Amino acid sequence: MTSKESFGNLIPDPLSKKLQQDGVPFSELRQASLSPEILIEEIYRLWRSTNLRVERNWNGILDQPNNIPYSNSACLLPDDRLYLETSSLRHLWKLATWNVNSIRTRLPLLLQWLKENNPDVVCLQETKVEDTLFPVWELQQAGYESAFSGQKSYNGVAILSKHPIRNVRTGFRNGYDAENARLISATVSGIRLFNVYVPQGQTTESEKFQYKLKFFTELIQEFKAENNSDNALVIMGDFNIAPKAEDLSNPESMRNKVSFHPEEHALLAELVDCGLSDLFRKFDQRSGQFSWWDFRTRGFERDEGMRIDYILANSVLTSSCQACIIDTEAREQDRPSDHAPVIAEFKL
């Protein structure tokens, strides 16, 4: 991501100051820049990362302007007023979850993404690598220490952090499902993090679906054992469950099938009832916002997907959350994962 300093070089100083204080119409910014194409690109980058606020009042029709959230299909209108969010920028703590679908295959993309987005903590799923081959050195060079639990070709979870990672636990405390690397928890910056890769389930008639239900039941008990409302607590990852109809491109075709089944929804509701909030839905209520698209059907190109990756936080963290987005731009890159990262920012 472009820094505030280099962004400021694209526009005259008076406008740069105004952008941080009173806001500037998009048309005025574009006309004042000597490099409007580059400026527009950087505006979208800042908007995507929630460092830029966009207010729209539809040519003065509204008494109070609407705050327009970034989305993959978002566009700017000439009268939109832009504000550079500099006052709180230094205090925001950024947390992300991303099913990378093989960390070794996706390592160049991951390293570039870390450089551009500069998250404090990233929870990864489907790393698909034994612990002895995990790219510790490359991530250290990027400024991140790692805690991980992996296995060859399947599963695998990891926590990357710019801050010390403490009290790491891999798997379930009661020893359940020890042969599969699907759960890791740790404490970073005083926040207890659970990173989970829930089984997909295959079909409702299969043993794998029963395994998914049993895994989620154990996950709820594992989470409840550490759930303390006085401490910041978050569980995130690839849940392989679309919560509601608006989280699917075709809910009718998915009804009563794996990833959109009543038994899965009942378990997810039980977890959420532990005092958790879906951070993405705190800020974006629109349908058609997905985090996974099937490679085989060119789902991303057809805008057919599911929202199955999310961040669930207790009230301590939810109250301090300033933004949460799905970073679909990462899905547009060369050799992407079939999942997009979900990013939340907190004022701690």
Protein backbone atom coordinates (compact mmCIF):
# COMPACT_ATOMS: atom_id res chain seq x y z
CA MET A 1 0.00 0.00 0.00
CA THR A 2 1.16 3.51 -0.73
CA SER A 3 2.12 5.52 2.35
CA LYS A 4 0.35 8.73 3.31
CA GLU A 5 3.55 10.61 2.49
CA SER A 6 3.84 9.37 -1.11
CA PHE A 7 0.09 9.81 -1.60
CA GLY A 8 0.48 13.43 -0.53
CA ASN A 9 3.09 13.95 -3.25
CA LEU A 10 0.43 13.36 -5.90
CA ILE A 11 -1.61 16.43 -4.92
CA PRO A 12 -0.78 20.03 -3.94
CA ASP A 13 0.00 20.63 -0.25
CA PRO A 14 -3.10 22.78 0.42
CA LEU A 15 -5.35 19.97 -0.83
CA SER A 16 -3.41 17.40 1.16
CA LYS A 17 -4.07 19.31 4.37
CA LYS A 18 -7.71 19.86 3.43
CA LEU A 19 -8.09 16.15 2.70
CA GLN A 20 -7.09 15.36 6.27
CA GLN A 21 -9.34 17.98 7.84
CA ASP A 22 -12.39 19.06 5.84
CA GLY A 23 -12.47 16.53 3.01
CA VAL A 24 -12.13 17.18 -0.72
CA PRO A 25 -14.51 16.32 -3.61
CA PHE A 26 -13.18 13.53 -5.80
CA SER A 27 -13.45 15.69 -8.92
CA GLU A 28 -11.32 18.40 -7.33
CA LEU A 29 -8.60 15.93 -6.37
CA ARG A 30 -8.51 14.41 -9.84
CA GLN A 31 -8.29 17.77 -11.60
CA ALA A 32 -5.52 19.04 -9.31
CA SER A 33 -3.19 16.08 -9.78
CA LEU A 34 -0.46 15.99 -12.41
CA SER A 35 -0.76 12.19 -12.44
CA PRO A 36 -4.51 11.55 -12.16
CA GLU A 37 -4.36 7.87 -13.17
CA ILE A 38 -1.80 7.09 -10.47
CA LEU A 39 -3.71 9.19 -7.96
CA ILE A 40 -6.97 7.33 -8.62
CA GLU A 41 -5.22 4.00 -8.17
CA GLU A 42 -3.83 5.10 -4.82
CA ILE A 43 -7.19 6.50 -3.73
CA TYR A 44 -8.75 3.08 -4.27
CA ARG A 45 -5.92 1.40 -2.36
CA LEU A 46 -6.43 3.71 0.62
CA TRP A 47 -10.18 3.29 0.44
CA ARG A 48 -9.86 -0.51 0.37
CA SER A 49 -7.60 -0.46 3.44
CA THR A 50 -10.07 1.84 5.30
CA ASN A 51 -7.50 4.65 5.50
CA LEU A 52 -9.77 6.79 3.32
CA ARG A 53 -13.42 7.63 4.07
CA VAL A 54 -15.88 8.35 1.29
CA GLU A 55 -19.06 10.35 1.95
CA ARG A 56 -21.84 10.63 -0.63
CA ASN A 57 -24.92 12.84 -0.54
CA TRP A 58 -26.16 12.28 -4.12
CA ASN A 59 -25.83 15.88 -5.34
CA GLY A 60 -27.13 17.37 -2.13
CA ILE A 61 -30.31 15.30 -1.97
CA LEU A 62 -29.52 13.88 1.46
CA ASP A 63 -29.45 15.98 4.62
CA GLN A 64 -26.73 13.74 6.00
CA PRO A 65 -24.23 12.11 3.60
CA ASN A 66 -23.86 8.33 3.51
CA ASN A 67 -20.56 6.70 4.40
CA ILE A 68 -19.76 4.47 1.41
CA PRO A 69 -17.80 1.27 2.26
CA TYR A 70 -15.27 -0.10 -0.18
CA SER A 71 -16.27 -3.10 -2.28
CA ASN A 72 -14.82 -4.79 -5.33
CA SER A 73 -17.47 -3.14 -7.52
CA ALA A 74 -17.37 0.27 -5.82
CA CYS A 75 -16.83 3.41 -7.87
CA LEU A 76 -16.30 7.05 -7.00
CA LEU A 77 -18.65 9.82 -8.12
CA PRO A 78 -17.46 13.38 -8.90
CA ASP A 79 -19.24 14.88 -5.87
CA ASP A 80 -18.06 12.24 -3.40
CA ARG A 81 -16.15 13.89 -0.55
CA LEU A 82 -12.97 12.10 0.47
CA TYR A 83 -11.33 12.20 3.90
CA LEU A 84 -7.89 10.80 4.68
CA GLU A 85 -8.12 9.01 8.03
CA THR A 86 -4.84 10.13 9.54
CA SER A 87 -5.89 10.91 13.09
CA SER A 88 -6.46 7.29 14.11
CA LEU A 89 -4.22 5.57 11.59
CA ARG A 90 -1.28 5.08 13.95
CA HIS A 91 -3.47 3.50 16.61
CA LEU A 92 -5.22 0.89 14.47
CA TRP A 93 -4.34 -2.76 15.08
CA LYS A 94 -4.97 -4.93 12.02
CA LEU A 95 -6.00 -8.59 12.15
CA ALA A 96 -6.61 -10.86 9.15
CA THR A 97 -7.62 -14.42 8.33
CA TRP A 98 -6.79 -16.12 5.02
CA ASN A 99 -7.07 -19.65 3.68
CA VAL A 100 -3.98 -19.57 1.45
CA ASN A 101 -4.46 -23.05 -0.05
CA SER A 102 -0.73 -23.98 0.18
CA ILE A 103 1.65 -21.46 1.72
CA ARG A 104 4.57 -22.59 -0.45
CA THR A 105 2.61 -22.10 -3.67
CA ARG A 106 1.22 -18.79 -2.43
CA LEU A 107 4.38 -17.48 -0.70
CA PRO A 108 5.25 -14.74 -3.24
CA LEU A 109 1.66 -13.50 -3.15
CA LEU A 110 1.57 -13.68 0.66
CA LEU A 111 4.83 -11.75 1.07
CA GLN A 112 3.65 -9.02 -1.30
CA TRP A 113 0.29 -8.87 0.46
CA LEU A 114 1.99 -8.51 3.85
CA LYS A 115 4.11 -5.68 2.50
CA GLU A 116 1.13 -3.82 1.05
CA ASN A 117 -1.33 -4.32 3.93
CA ASN A 118 1.03 -4.40 6.93
CA PRO A 119 -1.27 -6.40 9.26
CA ASP A 120 -0.30 -6.94 12.88
CA VAL A 121 -1.50 -10.54 12.88
CA VAL A 122 -2.55 -12.96 10.13
CA CYS A 123 -4.15 -16.34 10.74
CA LEU A 124 -3.62 -18.75 7.85
CA GLN A 125 -5.42 -21.98 6.99
CA GLU A 126 -4.62 -24.83 4.58
CA THR A 127 -0.89 -24.17 4.72
CA LYS A 128 -0.37 -27.77 3.46
CA VAL A 129 3.21 -28.10 4.68
CA GLU A 130 5.04 -30.06 7.37
CA ASP A 131 6.44 -27.98 10.21
CA THR A 132 10.03 -28.65 9.14
CA LEU A 133 9.35 -27.00 5.76
CA PHE A 134 7.35 -24.01 6.98
CA PRO A 135 8.89 -20.78 5.51
CA VAL A 136 9.98 -19.34 8.85
CA TRP A 137 13.01 -17.49 7.48
CA GLU A 138 11.17 -15.78 4.61
CA LEU A 139 8.46 -14.56 6.98
CA GLN A 140 11.04 -13.35 9.48
CA GLN A 141 12.61 -11.27 6.72
CA ALA A 142 9.18 -9.74 6.15
CA GLY A 143 8.95 -8.83 9.85
CA TYR A 144 6.74 -11.68 11.11
CA GLU A 145 7.29 -14.41 13.64
CA SER A 146 5.30 -17.61 13.24
CA ALA A 147 3.47 -20.26 15.21
CA PHE A 148 2.19 -23.20 13.17
CA SER A 149 0.85 -26.71 13.06
CA GLY A 150 1.08 -28.49 9.74
CA GLN A 151 1.04 -31.74 7.82
CA LYS A 152 2.02 -32.76 4.33
CA SER A 153 -0.39 -31.81 1.50
CA TYR A 154 -3.42 -31.31 3.77
CA ASN A 155 -4.82 -28.94 6.38
CA GLY A 156 -2.33 -26.83 8.34
CA VAL A 157 -2.87 -23.63 10.37
CA ALA A 158 -0.49 -20.82 11.28
CA ILE A 159 -0.36 -17.49 13.09
CA LEU A 160 1.94 -14.76 11.76
CA SER A 161 2.58 -11.74 13.97
CA LYS A 162 4.64 -8.56 14.15
CA HIS A 163 4.38 -8.87 17.93
CA PRO A 164 5.43 -11.65 20.34
CA ILE A 165 3.28 -14.79 20.12
CA ARG A 166 2.66 -16.28 23.53
CA ASN A 167 0.86 -19.26 25.09
CA VAL A 168 0.58 -21.25 21.87
CA ARG A 169 -1.63 -24.34 21.86
CA THR A 170 -1.93 -26.61 18.82
CA GLY A 171 -5.01 -28.78 18.51
CA PHE A 172 -7.64 -29.50 21.16
CA ARG A 173 -6.68 -29.66 24.83
CA ASN A 174 -8.52 -32.98 25.23
CA GLY A 175 -6.55 -34.57 22.39
CA TYR A 176 -9.45 -34.79 19.94
CA ASP A 177 -8.48 -35.06 16.24
CA ALA A 178 -4.76 -34.98 17.03
CA GLU A 179 -3.86 -36.40 13.61
CA ASN A 180 -5.24 -33.36 11.76
CA ALA A 181 -3.69 -29.86 11.94
CA ARG A 182 -6.85 -27.77 12.04
CA LEU A 183 -6.67 -25.65 15.18
CA ILE A 184 -4.12 -23.36 16.80
CA SER A 185 -4.56 -20.73 19.51
CA ALA A 186 -2.23 -18.12 20.96
CA THR A 187 -2.12 -14.76 22.71
CA VAL A 188 -0.87 -11.65 20.90
CA SER A 189 -1.00 -8.11 22.30
CA GLY A 190 -3.24 -9.36 25.09
CA ILE A 191 -5.77 -10.83 22.65
CA ARG A 192 -6.53 -14.55 22.74
CA LEU A 193 -6.73 -15.81 19.15
CA PHE A 194 -8.29 -19.03 17.89
CA ASN A 195 -7.44 -19.94 14.30
CA VAL A 196 -9.51 -22.79 12.87
CA TYR A 197 -9.90 -24.71 9.63
CA VAL A 198 -13.26 -26.49 9.89
CA PRO A 199 -13.67 -29.66 7.77
CA GLN A 200 -15.58 -29.17 4.54
CA GLY A 201 -17.87 -32.19 5.02
CA GLN A 202 -18.14 -33.47 1.43
CA THR A 203 -21.82 -34.61 1.38
CA THR A 204 -24.46 -34.87 4.09
CA GLU A 205 -24.61 -38.65 3.59
CA SER A 206 -20.88 -39.12 4.15
CA GLU A 207 -18.84 -39.89 7.25
CA LYS A 208 -16.96 -36.65 6.58
CA PHE A 209 -20.11 -34.67 7.33
CA GLN A 210 -20.45 -36.40 10.70
CA TYR A 211 -16.79 -35.61 11.31
CA LYS A 212 -17.51 -31.95 10.54
CA LEU A 213 -20.37 -31.84 13.05
CA LYS A 214 -18.29 -33.59 15.72
CA PHE A 215 -15.34 -31.26 15.06
CA PHE A 216 -17.54 -28.18 15.46
CA THR A 217 -19.06 -29.53 18.67
CA GLU A 218 -15.56 -30.01 20.10
CA LEU A 219 -14.58 -26.53 18.86
CA ILE A 220 -17.44 -24.96 20.82
CA GLN A 221 -16.32 -26.69 24.01
CA GLU A 222 -12.70 -25.70 23.39
CA PHE A 223 -13.71 -22.07 22.94
CA LYS A 224 -16.00 -22.06 25.98
CA ALA A 225 -13.13 -23.28 28.15
CA GLU A 226 -11.29 -19.99 27.52
CA ASN A 227 -14.23 -17.66 27.03
CA ASN A 228 -13.90 -14.86 29.55
CA SER A 229 -15.92 -11.73 28.84
CA ASP A 230 -13.32 -9.59 30.61
CA ASN A 231 -10.60 -10.48 28.08
CA ALA A 232 -10.36 -9.76 24.36
CA LEU A 233 -11.16 -13.00 22.53
CA VAL A 234 -11.55 -13.81 18.85
CA ILE A 235 -12.07 -16.94 16.76
CA MET A 236 -11.50 -16.79 13.02
CA GLY A 237 -10.70 -18.86 10.01
CA ASP A 238 -12.31 -20.95 7.30
CA PHE A 239 -15.53 -22.23 8.87
CA ASN A 240 -16.82 -23.89 5.67
CA ILE A 241 -20.32 -22.71 6.60
CA ALA A 242 -22.22 -19.90 4.90
CA PRO A 243 -24.18 -18.28 7.78
CA LYS A 244 -27.21 -16.95 5.86
CA ALA A 245 -28.82 -16.88 2.44
CA GLU A 246 -27.21 -13.54 1.60
CA ASP A 247 -23.80 -15.22 2.02
CA LEU A 248 -24.41 -17.44 -1.03
CA SER A 249 -24.80 -16.68 -4.71
CA ASN A 250 -27.51 -19.35 -5.06
CA PRO A 251 -28.98 -20.24 -1.64
CA GLU A 252 -31.87 -22.31 -2.99
CA SER A 253 -29.54 -24.73 -4.75
CA MET A 254 -27.47 -25.05 -1.56
CA ARG A 255 -30.30 -25.52 0.92
CA ASN A 256 -29.83 -28.60 3.14
CA LYS A 257 -26.47 -29.31 1.53
CA VAL A 258 -23.01 -29.19 3.04
CA SER A 259 -21.97 -25.64 4.03
CA PHE A 260 -25.62 -24.55 4.24
CA HIS A 261 -27.27 -27.23 6.34
CA PRO A 262 -29.53 -26.74 9.41
CA GLU A 263 -27.28 -28.87 11.63
CA GLU A 264 -24.28 -26.71 10.71
CA HIS A 265 -26.26 -23.53 11.30
CA ALA A 266 -27.36 -24.75 14.73
CA LEU A 267 -23.75 -25.34 15.76
CA LEU A 268 -22.60 -22.00 14.37
CA ALA A 269 -25.42 -20.27 16.27
CA GLU A 270 -24.31 -22.02 19.47
CA LEU A 271 -20.78 -20.71 18.98
CA VAL A 272 -21.97 -17.16 18.24
CA ASP A 273 -24.22 -17.32 21.32
CA CYS A 274 -21.04 -17.44 23.41
CA GLY A 275 -21.11 -13.65 23.05
CA LEU A 276 -19.53 -13.27 19.62
CA SER A 277 -20.19 -10.92 16.73
CA ASP A 278 -19.50 -11.42 13.02
CA LEU A 279 -17.28 -8.39 12.45
CA PHE A 280 -17.82 -8.18 8.70
CA ARG A 281 -21.57 -7.93 9.18
CA LYS A 282 -21.10 -5.12 11.69
CA PHE A 283 -20.05 -2.90 8.76
CA ASP A 284 -21.47 -4.46 5.60
CA GLN A 285 -24.98 -5.89 5.34
CA ARG A 286 -25.04 -6.34 1.57
CA SER A 287 -25.69 -9.71 -0.02
CA GLY A 288 -23.28 -11.12 -2.55
CA GLN A 289 -20.13 -10.49 -0.49
CA PHE A 290 -18.11 -13.69 -0.79
CA SER A 291 -14.76 -14.98 0.49
CA TRP A 292 -14.53 -18.21 -1.56
CA TRP A 293 -15.08 -18.95 -5.23
CA ASP A 294 -14.75 -22.33 -6.96
CA PHE A 295 -11.81 -22.52 -9.39
CA ARG A 296 -13.49 -25.32 -11.33
CA THR A 297 -16.54 -23.26 -12.33
CA ARG A 298 -14.69 -19.93 -12.67
CA GLY A 299 -16.79 -18.74 -9.75
CA PHE A 300 -14.84 -15.54 -9.20
CA GLU A 301 -15.26 -14.41 -12.80
CA ARG A 302 -18.98 -15.29 -12.63
CA ASP A 303 -19.43 -13.71 -9.18
CA GLU A 304 -20.66 -17.03 -7.78
CA GLY A 305 -19.29 -17.83 -4.34
CA MET A 306 -19.85 -18.16 -0.61
CA ARG A 307 -18.84 -16.24 2.50
CA ILE A 308 -17.33 -18.97 4.63
CA ASP A 309 -14.31 -17.13 6.11
CA TYR A 310 -14.98 -14.73 8.96
CA ILE A 311 -13.81 -13.18 12.20
CA LEU A 312 -15.97 -13.66 15.31
CA ALA A 313 -15.07 -11.45 18.27
CA ASN A 314 -16.38 -10.99 21.80
CA SER A 315 -17.80 -7.66 22.98
CA VAL A 316 -14.42 -6.39 24.21
CA LEU A 317 -12.99 -6.52 20.68
CA THR A 318 -16.19 -5.78 18.78
CA SER A 319 -16.59 -2.44 20.52
CA SER A 320 -13.13 -1.36 19.36
CA CYS A 321 -13.45 -2.62 15.78
CA GLN A 322 -13.29 0.23 13.26
CA ALA A 323 -13.64 -1.69 9.99
CA CYS A 324 -13.83 -5.17 8.47
CA ILE A 325 -13.53 -5.99 4.77
CA ILE A 326 -13.07 -8.92 2.41
CA ASP A 327 -9.96 -8.20 0.33
CA THR A 328 -11.10 -9.42 -3.08
CA GLU A 329 -8.14 -7.72 -4.72
CA ALA A 330 -5.93 -10.55 -3.42
CA ARG A 331 -8.15 -13.01 -5.33
CA GLU A 332 -7.49 -11.09 -8.57
CA GLN A 333 -3.72 -11.68 -8.49
CA ASP A 334 -1.75 -14.29 -10.45
CA ARG A 335 -1.89 -17.78 -8.95
CA PRO A 336 -4.30 -16.78 -6.16
CA SER A 337 -5.89 -18.88 -3.46
CA ASP A 338 -9.55 -19.71 -4.01
CA HIS A 339 -10.20 -17.72 -0.81
CA ALA A 340 -9.81 -13.99 -0.15
CA PRO A 341 -8.44 -12.54 3.11
CA VAL A 342 -10.80 -10.99 5.65
CA ILE A 343 -9.27 -7.97 7.42
CA ALA A 344 -10.45 -6.23 10.59
CA GLU A 345 -9.00 -3.11 12.22
CA PHE A 346 -9.24 -2.18 15.89
CA LYS A 347 -8.53 0.90 17.93
CA LEU A 348 -6.90 -0.70 20.95
